């Protein structure tokens, strides 16, 4: 059985919900619940209300999605102001 192709969409986070879930409105106006991808959790990427995000949706359930990328407004790629040290 072949793996189904995921649907990629863009949206805006409306509300931050408990348990790392978010209410997101897609570009076409549909609203859904999304969770952050594992690599975003691993690298402590914070998602706030108003952020533009890229999502992956399963063709079987279009009411749930996975946030795979957070778009930065007003900044280019790379670290801003130098590398952050831990």
N, C-alpha and C. Protein backbone atom coordinates (compact mmCIF):
# COMPACT_ATOMS: atom_id res chain seq x y z
N UNK A 1 0.84 -1.18 0.00
CA UNK A 1 0.00 0.00 0.00
C UNK A 1 0.89 1.24 0.00
N UNK A 2 0.68 2.11 -0.95
CA UNK A 2 1.50 3.31 -1.09
C UNK A 2 1.04 4.39 -0.11
N UNK A 3 2.00 5.20 0.31
CA UNK A 3 1.69 6.31 1.21
C UNK A 3 1.01 7.42 0.41
N UNK A 4 -0.07 7.95 0.96
CA UNK A 4 -0.81 9.01 0.27
C UNK A 4 -0.03 10.32 0.32
N UNK A 5 -0.21 11.12 -0.70
CA UNK A 5 0.44 12.42 -0.80
C UNK A 5 -0.23 13.40 0.16
N UNK A 6 0.57 14.16 0.91
CA UNK A 6 0.04 15.16 1.83
C UNK A 6 -0.28 16.44 1.07
N UNK A 7 -1.27 17.17 1.55
CA UNK A 7 -1.67 18.44 0.95
C UNK A 7 -0.95 19.55 1.71
N UNK A 8 -0.24 20.42 1.00
CA UNK A 8 0.47 21.53 1.64
C UNK A 8 -0.33 22.81 1.47
N UNK A 9 -0.51 23.54 2.58
CA UNK A 9 -1.29 24.78 2.60
C UNK A 9 -0.55 25.83 3.42
N UNK A 10 -0.99 27.08 3.28
CA UNK A 10 -0.49 28.20 4.08
C UNK A 10 -1.63 28.71 4.94
N UNK A 11 -1.31 29.21 6.12
CA UNK A 11 -2.35 29.73 6.99
C UNK A 11 -1.79 30.68 8.03
N UNK A 12 -2.70 31.20 8.87
CA UNK A 12 -2.34 32.11 9.95
C UNK A 12 -2.88 31.54 11.25
N UNK A 13 -2.04 31.55 12.30
CA UNK A 13 -2.45 31.03 13.61
C UNK A 13 -3.38 32.05 14.26
N UNK A 14 -4.58 31.62 14.64
CA UNK A 14 -5.55 32.49 15.30
C UNK A 14 -5.44 32.40 16.81
N UNK A 15 -5.26 31.18 17.32
CA UNK A 15 -5.33 30.96 18.75
C UNK A 15 -4.38 29.84 19.13
N UNK A 16 -3.71 30.02 20.27
CA UNK A 16 -2.85 28.97 20.82
C UNK A 16 -3.67 28.19 21.82
N UNK A 17 -3.77 26.88 21.60
CA UNK A 17 -4.56 25.99 22.46
C UNK A 17 -3.62 25.16 23.34
N UNK A 18 -4.15 24.52 24.39
CA UNK A 18 -3.30 23.67 25.22
C UNK A 18 -2.73 22.48 24.44
N UNK A 19 -1.68 21.89 24.99
CA UNK A 19 -1.07 20.67 24.45
C UNK A 19 -0.48 20.90 23.05
N UNK A 20 0.19 22.02 22.86
CA UNK A 20 0.86 22.41 21.60
C UNK A 20 -0.03 22.26 20.37
N UNK A 21 -1.27 22.69 20.51
CA UNK A 21 -2.20 22.71 19.38
C UNK A 21 -2.57 24.15 19.08
N UNK A 22 -3.00 24.39 17.84
CA UNK A 22 -3.26 25.75 17.39
C UNK A 22 -4.50 25.76 16.51
N UNK A 23 -5.28 26.85 16.60
CA UNK A 23 -6.40 27.05 15.69
C UNK A 23 -5.87 27.91 14.54
N UNK A 24 -5.94 27.37 13.32
CA UNK A 24 -5.33 28.01 12.15
C UNK A 24 -6.40 28.27 11.10
N UNK A 25 -6.35 29.46 10.48
CA UNK A 25 -7.21 29.77 9.34
C UNK A 25 -6.37 29.69 8.08
N UNK A 26 -6.80 28.88 7.13
CA UNK A 26 -6.08 28.71 5.87
C UNK A 26 -6.34 29.90 4.95
N UNK A 27 -5.55 29.99 3.88
CA UNK A 27 -5.71 31.08 2.91
C UNK A 27 -7.08 31.06 2.26
N UNK A 28 -7.68 29.87 2.12
CA UNK A 28 -8.99 29.77 1.48
C UNK A 28 -10.14 30.01 2.45
N UNK A 29 -9.84 30.31 3.74
CA UNK A 29 -10.88 30.65 4.71
C UNK A 29 -11.28 29.52 5.64
N UNK A 30 -10.88 28.29 5.36
CA UNK A 30 -11.23 27.17 6.24
C UNK A 30 -10.43 27.25 7.54
N UNK A 31 -11.06 26.81 8.63
CA UNK A 31 -10.41 26.82 9.93
C UNK A 31 -10.20 25.38 10.39
N UNK A 32 -9.03 25.11 10.99
CA UNK A 32 -8.74 23.76 11.46
C UNK A 32 -7.84 23.81 12.68
N UNK A 33 -7.67 22.64 13.32
CA UNK A 33 -6.79 22.49 14.46
C UNK A 33 -5.49 21.86 13.96
N UNK A 34 -4.35 22.43 14.37
CA UNK A 34 -3.05 21.92 13.92
C UNK A 34 -2.13 21.74 15.11
N UNK A 35 -1.16 20.86 14.95
CA UNK A 35 -0.14 20.66 15.98
C UNK A 35 1.22 20.90 15.34
N UNK A 36 2.22 21.21 16.18
CA UNK A 36 3.55 21.48 15.63
C UNK A 36 4.28 20.17 15.37
N UNK A 37 5.07 20.15 14.31
CA UNK A 37 5.83 18.96 13.93
C UNK A 37 6.90 18.67 14.98
N UNK A 38 7.37 17.44 15.00
CA UNK A 38 8.35 17.01 15.98
C UNK A 38 9.64 17.79 15.94
N UNK A 39 10.13 18.12 14.74
CA UNK A 39 11.38 18.88 14.64
C UNK A 39 11.21 20.30 15.16
N UNK A 40 10.00 20.86 15.04
CA UNK A 40 9.76 22.19 15.59
C UNK A 40 9.79 22.14 17.11
N UNK A 41 9.23 21.08 17.69
CA UNK A 41 9.29 20.91 19.15
C UNK A 41 10.72 20.66 19.61
N UNK A 42 11.43 19.84 18.86
CA UNK A 42 12.81 19.50 19.22
C UNK A 42 13.71 20.74 19.27
N UNK A 43 13.53 21.65 18.33
CA UNK A 43 14.36 22.85 18.25
C UNK A 43 13.72 24.05 18.95
N UNK A 44 12.67 23.82 19.74
CA UNK A 44 12.01 24.85 20.56
C UNK A 44 11.59 26.06 19.74
N UNK A 45 10.98 25.83 18.59
CA UNK A 45 10.48 26.92 17.75
C UNK A 45 9.10 27.31 18.29
N UNK A 46 9.00 28.56 18.72
CA UNK A 46 7.78 29.04 19.35
C UNK A 46 6.81 29.56 18.28
N UNK A 47 5.57 29.17 18.40
CA UNK A 47 4.52 29.62 17.48
C UNK A 47 3.54 30.45 18.28
N UNK A 48 3.27 31.66 17.82
CA UNK A 48 2.37 32.57 18.51
C UNK A 48 1.20 32.92 17.61
N UNK A 49 0.14 33.46 18.22
CA UNK A 49 -1.02 33.90 17.45
C UNK A 49 -0.59 34.99 16.48
N UNK A 50 -1.03 34.90 15.24
CA UNK A 50 -0.68 35.86 14.20
C UNK A 50 0.45 35.42 13.30
N UNK A 51 1.14 34.33 13.65
CA UNK A 51 2.23 33.83 12.82
C UNK A 51 1.70 33.18 11.55
N UNK A 52 2.41 33.38 10.44
CA UNK A 52 2.09 32.69 9.19
C UNK A 52 2.84 31.37 9.20
N UNK A 53 2.14 30.29 8.85
CA UNK A 53 2.72 28.95 8.92
C UNK A 53 2.41 28.16 7.66
N UNK A 54 3.24 27.14 7.41
CA UNK A 54 2.99 26.15 6.36
C UNK A 54 2.50 24.88 7.03
N UNK A 55 1.45 24.29 6.47
CA UNK A 55 0.83 23.11 7.06
C UNK A 55 0.83 21.95 6.10
N UNK A 56 0.77 20.74 6.65
CA UNK A 56 0.54 19.52 5.88
C UNK A 56 -0.79 18.94 6.34
N UNK A 57 -1.65 18.59 5.39
CA UNK A 57 -2.95 17.99 5.69
C UNK A 57 -3.03 16.62 5.06
N UNK A 58 -3.68 15.70 5.75
CA UNK A 58 -3.94 14.39 5.19
C UNK A 58 -5.16 14.48 4.29
N UNK A 59 -5.17 13.80 3.17
CA UNK A 59 -6.37 13.84 2.32
C UNK A 59 -7.57 13.15 2.96
N UNK A 60 -7.35 12.39 4.02
CA UNK A 60 -8.44 11.67 4.68
C UNK A 60 -9.16 12.50 5.73
N UNK A 61 -8.44 13.42 6.39
CA UNK A 61 -9.05 14.24 7.43
C UNK A 61 -8.58 15.68 7.25
N UNK A 62 -9.41 16.50 6.66
CA UNK A 62 -9.04 17.88 6.35
C UNK A 62 -9.33 18.85 7.50
N UNK A 63 -9.69 18.32 8.68
CA UNK A 63 -9.94 19.18 9.84
C UNK A 63 -8.74 19.25 10.76
N UNK A 64 -7.71 18.45 10.50
CA UNK A 64 -6.51 18.43 11.34
C UNK A 64 -5.28 18.60 10.45
N UNK A 65 -4.26 19.25 10.99
CA UNK A 65 -3.05 19.46 10.21
C UNK A 65 -1.81 19.48 11.08
N UNK A 66 -0.65 19.46 10.43
CA UNK A 66 0.64 19.51 11.11
C UNK A 66 1.38 20.75 10.61
N UNK A 67 1.82 21.60 11.55
CA UNK A 67 2.58 22.80 11.19
C UNK A 67 4.02 22.37 10.98
N UNK A 68 4.53 22.62 9.77
CA UNK A 68 5.90 22.20 9.48
C UNK A 68 6.87 23.35 9.34
N UNK A 69 6.38 24.60 9.22
CA UNK A 69 7.28 25.74 9.06
C UNK A 69 6.58 27.01 9.53
N UNK A 70 7.32 27.86 10.25
CA UNK A 70 6.81 29.17 10.67
C UNK A 70 7.54 30.23 9.87
N UNK A 71 6.80 31.05 9.14
CA UNK A 71 7.40 32.09 8.30
C UNK A 71 7.70 33.32 9.15
N UNK A 72 8.89 33.88 8.97
CA UNK A 72 9.30 35.06 9.72
C UNK A 72 8.95 36.30 8.92
N UNK A 73 8.25 37.22 9.55
CA UNK A 73 7.87 38.48 8.90
C UNK A 73 8.96 39.52 9.13
N UNK A 74 9.39 40.18 8.06
CA UNK A 74 10.33 41.28 8.17
C UNK A 74 11.77 40.86 8.39
N UNK A 75 12.07 39.57 8.32
CA UNK A 75 13.45 39.10 8.50
C UNK A 75 13.81 38.18 7.36
N UNK A 76 15.05 38.23 6.96
CA UNK A 76 15.54 37.32 5.93
C UNK A 76 15.94 36.00 6.56
N UNK A 77 16.43 35.07 5.76
CA UNK A 77 16.85 33.79 6.30
C UNK A 77 18.10 33.93 7.14
N UNK A 78 18.28 33.02 8.07
CA UNK A 78 19.47 33.02 8.92
C UNK A 78 19.21 33.67 10.25
N UNK A 79 20.17 33.55 11.17
CA UNK A 79 19.99 34.12 12.51
C UNK A 79 20.01 35.64 12.47
N UNK A 80 19.16 36.26 13.26
CA UNK A 80 19.09 37.72 13.31
C UNK A 80 20.06 38.23 14.37
N UNK A 81 21.02 39.06 13.97
CA UNK A 81 21.94 39.67 14.91
C UNK A 81 23.05 38.75 15.39
N UNK A 82 23.28 37.66 14.74
CA UNK A 82 24.36 36.77 15.13
C UNK A 82 23.85 35.47 15.71
N UNK A 83 24.76 34.55 15.91
CA UNK A 83 24.40 33.23 16.43
C UNK A 83 24.02 33.31 17.90
N UNK A 84 23.04 32.55 18.29
CA UNK A 84 22.63 32.47 19.68
C UNK A 84 23.42 31.36 20.35
N UNK A 85 24.00 31.66 21.49
CA UNK A 85 24.79 30.65 22.20
C UNK A 85 24.04 30.15 23.40
N UNK A 86 24.27 28.89 23.73
CA UNK A 86 23.59 28.29 24.89
C UNK A 86 24.55 28.12 26.02
